[in-house]
Amino acid sequence: MCRNIHPLHNFEPAATDDEVRAAALQYVRKVSGATRPSKANQAAFDEAVDAVALATQHLLDHLVTSAPPKDREVEAAKARARAAKRYATASA
């Protein structure tokens, strides 16, 4: 799983089109192995991003849950705390 792709389901407010597209772009970059495709591959790359974004939005629109929506700020704070613990340097 690409570390830059974050969960988008069950947040309040819901994921924006930009967030869905950014996740799709990261996925296509990971799968293709290219952050910037060549001119020869640009059309295929863009088409793939559009298709993945459409499929992602379709999925998000159709998922159901009984869990209460998560707060983006609270989840971001938890992620920062995990990262601080993971990347903390040992004191001498």
C-alpha atoms as a PDB file:
ATOM      1  CA  MET A   1       0.000   0.000   0.000  1.00  0.00           C
ATOM      2  CA  CYS A   2       1.318   3.405  -0.894  1.00  0.00           C
ATOM      3  CA  ARG A   3       1.914   5.429   2.257  1.00  0.00           C
ATOM      4  CA  ASN A   4       0.527   8.573   0.644  1.00  0.00           C
ATOM      5  CA  ILE A   5      -2.895   7.038   0.084  1.00  0.00           C
ATOM      6  CA  HIS A   6      -5.040   7.645   3.143  1.00  0.00           C
ATOM      7  CA  PRO A   7      -8.413   6.170   4.075  1.00  0.00           C
ATOM      8  CA  LEU A   8     -11.205   8.311   2.627  1.00  0.00           C
ATOM      9  CA  HIS A   9     -14.291   6.489   3.916  1.00  0.00           C
ATOM     10  CA  ASN A  10     -16.390   7.529   6.898  1.00  0.00           C
ATOM     11  CA  PHE A  11     -15.004  11.005   7.530  1.00  0.00           C
ATOM     12  CA  GLU A  12     -16.931  14.128   8.278  1.00  0.00           C
ATOM     13  CA  PRO A  13     -16.884  16.071   6.043  1.00  0.00           C
ATOM     14  CA  ALA A  14     -16.768  13.520   3.250  1.00  0.00           C
ATOM     15  CA  ALA A  15     -13.749  13.188   0.988  1.00  0.00           C
ATOM     16  CA  THR A  16     -13.516  15.885  -1.654  1.00  0.00           C
ATOM     17  CA  ASP A  17     -13.057  15.293  -5.373  1.00  0.00           C
ATOM     18  CA  ASP A  18      -9.493  16.573  -4.995  1.00  0.00           C
ATOM     19  CA  GLU A  19      -8.735  13.990  -2.281  1.00  0.00           C
ATOM     20  CA  VAL A  20     -10.185  11.189  -4.405  1.00  0.00           C
ATOM     21  CA  ARG A  21      -8.170  12.322  -7.436  1.00  0.00           C
ATOM     22  CA  ALA A  22      -4.971  12.628  -5.364  1.00  0.00           C
ATOM     23  CA  ALA A  23      -5.419   9.059  -4.118  1.00  0.00           C
ATOM     24  CA  ALA A  24      -6.027   7.869  -7.680  1.00  0.00           C
ATOM     25  CA  LEU A  25      -2.922   9.693  -8.893  1.00  0.00           C
ATOM     26  CA  GLN A  26      -0.787   8.112  -6.162  1.00  0.00           C
ATOM     27  CA  TYR A  27      -2.141   4.671  -7.011  1.00  0.00           C
ATOM     28  CA  VAL A  28      -1.429   5.056 -10.730  1.00  0.00           C
ATOM     29  CA  ARG A  29       2.048   6.418  -9.985  1.00  0.00           C
ATOM     30  CA  LYS A  30       2.775   3.425  -7.784  1.00  0.00           C
ATOM     31  CA  VAL A  31       1.472   0.866 -10.257  1.00  0.00           C
ATOM     32  CA  SER A  32       3.148   2.455 -13.277  1.00  0.00           C
ATOM     33  CA  GLY A  33       6.418   3.160 -11.493  1.00  0.00           C
ATOM     34  CA  ALA A  34       6.453   6.699 -12.882  1.00  0.00           C
ATOM     35  CA  THR A  35       5.749   9.981 -11.147  1.00  0.00           C
ATOM     36  CA  ARG A  36       5.782  11.771 -14.488  1.00  0.00           C
ATOM     37  CA  PRO A  37       4.954   9.672 -17.520  1.00  0.00           C
ATOM     38  CA  SER A  38       6.642  10.257 -20.848  1.00  0.00           C
ATOM     39  CA  LYS A  39       4.753  12.189 -23.502  1.00  0.00           C
ATOM     40  CA  ALA A  40       4.062   8.887 -25.235  1.00  0.00           C
ATOM     41  CA  ASN A  41       2.381   7.525 -22.088  1.00  0.00           C
ATOM     42  CA  GLN A  42       0.688  10.712 -20.833  1.00  0.00           C
ATOM     43  CA  ALA A  43      -2.729   9.947 -22.348  1.00  0.00           C
ATOM     44  CA  ALA A  44      -2.800   6.410 -20.934  1.00  0.00           C
ATOM     45  CA  PHE A  45      -1.626   7.703 -17.547  1.00  0.00           C
ATOM     46  CA  ASP A  46      -4.319  10.404 -17.418  1.00  0.00           C
ATOM     47  CA  GLU A  47      -6.995   7.943 -18.537  1.00  0.00           C
ATOM     48  CA  ALA A  48      -5.968   5.544 -15.774  1.00  0.00           C
ATOM     49  CA  VAL A  49      -6.104   8.303 -13.143  1.00  0.00           C
ATOM     50  CA  ASP A  50      -9.599   9.273 -14.307  1.00  0.00           C
ATOM     51  CA  ALA A  51     -10.789   5.642 -14.241  1.00  0.00           C
ATOM     52  CA  VAL A  52      -9.356   4.971 -10.774  1.00  0.00           C
ATOM     53  CA  ALA A  53     -10.835   8.220  -9.428  1.00  0.00           C
ATOM     54  CA  LEU A  54     -14.249   7.293 -10.831  1.00  0.00           C
ATOM     55  CA  ALA A  55     -14.066   3.780  -9.343  1.00  0.00           C
ATOM     56  CA  THR A  56     -12.910   5.192  -5.994  1.00  0.00           C
ATOM     57  CA  GLN A  57     -15.749   7.709  -5.859  1.00  0.00           C
ATOM     58  CA  HIS A  58     -18.235   4.982  -6.805  1.00  0.00           C
ATOM     59  CA  LEU A  59     -16.913   2.806  -3.988  1.00  0.00           C
ATOM     60  CA  LEU A  60     -17.074   5.619  -1.423  1.00  0.00           C
ATOM     61  CA  ASP A  61     -20.623   6.491  -2.499  1.00  0.00           C
ATOM     62  CA  HIS A  62     -21.795   2.907  -2.006  1.00  0.00           C
ATOM     63  CA  LEU A  63     -20.025   1.876   1.208  1.00  0.00           C
ATOM     64  CA  VAL A  64     -22.231   1.701   4.299  1.00  0.00           C
ATOM     65  CA  THR A  65     -21.263   1.697   7.942  1.00  0.00           C
ATOM     66  CA  SER A  66     -22.911   1.932  11.321  1.00  0.00           C
ATOM     67  CA  ALA A  67     -19.800   3.491  12.884  1.00  0.00           C
ATOM     68  CA  PRO A  68     -19.895   7.197  13.648  1.00  0.00           C
ATOM     69  CA  PRO A  69     -17.910   9.392  11.230  1.00  0.00           C
ATOM     70  CA  LYS A  70     -14.288  10.036  12.156  1.00  0.00           C
ATOM     71  CA  ASP A  71     -12.906  13.522  12.687  1.00  0.00           C
ATOM     72  CA  ARG A  72     -10.086  14.388  10.286  1.00  0.00           C
ATOM     73  CA  GLU A  73      -8.174  16.474  12.833  1.00  0.00           C
ATOM     74  CA  VAL A  74      -8.293  13.762  15.497  1.00  0.00           C
ATOM     75  CA  GLU A  75      -7.096  11.123  13.015  1.00  0.00           C
ATOM     76  CA  ALA A  76      -4.315  13.440  11.790  1.00  0.00           C
ATOM     77  CA  ALA A  77      -3.165  14.000  15.382  1.00  0.00           C
ATOM     78  CA  LYS A  78      -3.073  10.231  15.962  1.00  0.00           C
ATOM     79  CA  ALA A  79      -1.013   9.764  12.787  1.00  0.00           C
ATOM     80  CA  ARG A  80       1.448  12.479  13.859  1.00  0.00           C
ATOM     81  CA  ALA A  81       1.823  10.818  17.270  1.00  0.00           C
ATOM     82  CA  ARG A  82       2.499   7.424  15.645  1.00  0.00           C
ATOM     83  CA  ALA A  83       5.040   8.996  13.303  1.00  0.00           C
ATOM     84  CA  ALA A  84       6.790  10.802  16.158  1.00  0.00           C
ATOM     85  CA  LYS A  85       7.077   7.537  18.064  1.00  0.00           C
ATOM     86  CA  ARG A  86       8.221   5.598  14.965  1.00  0.00           C
ATOM     87  CA  TYR A  87      10.867   8.128  13.933  1.00  0.00           C
ATOM     88  CA  ALA A  88      12.041   9.213  17.379  1.00  0.00           C
ATOM     89  CA  THR A  89      15.790   9.147  17.752  1.00  0.00           C
ATOM     90  CA  ALA A  90      17.342   7.331  20.668  1.00  0.00           C
ATOM     91  CA  SER A  91      19.072   9.585  23.173  1.00  0.00           C
ATOM     92  CA  ALA A  92      22.696   8.784  23.977  1.00  0.00           C
END
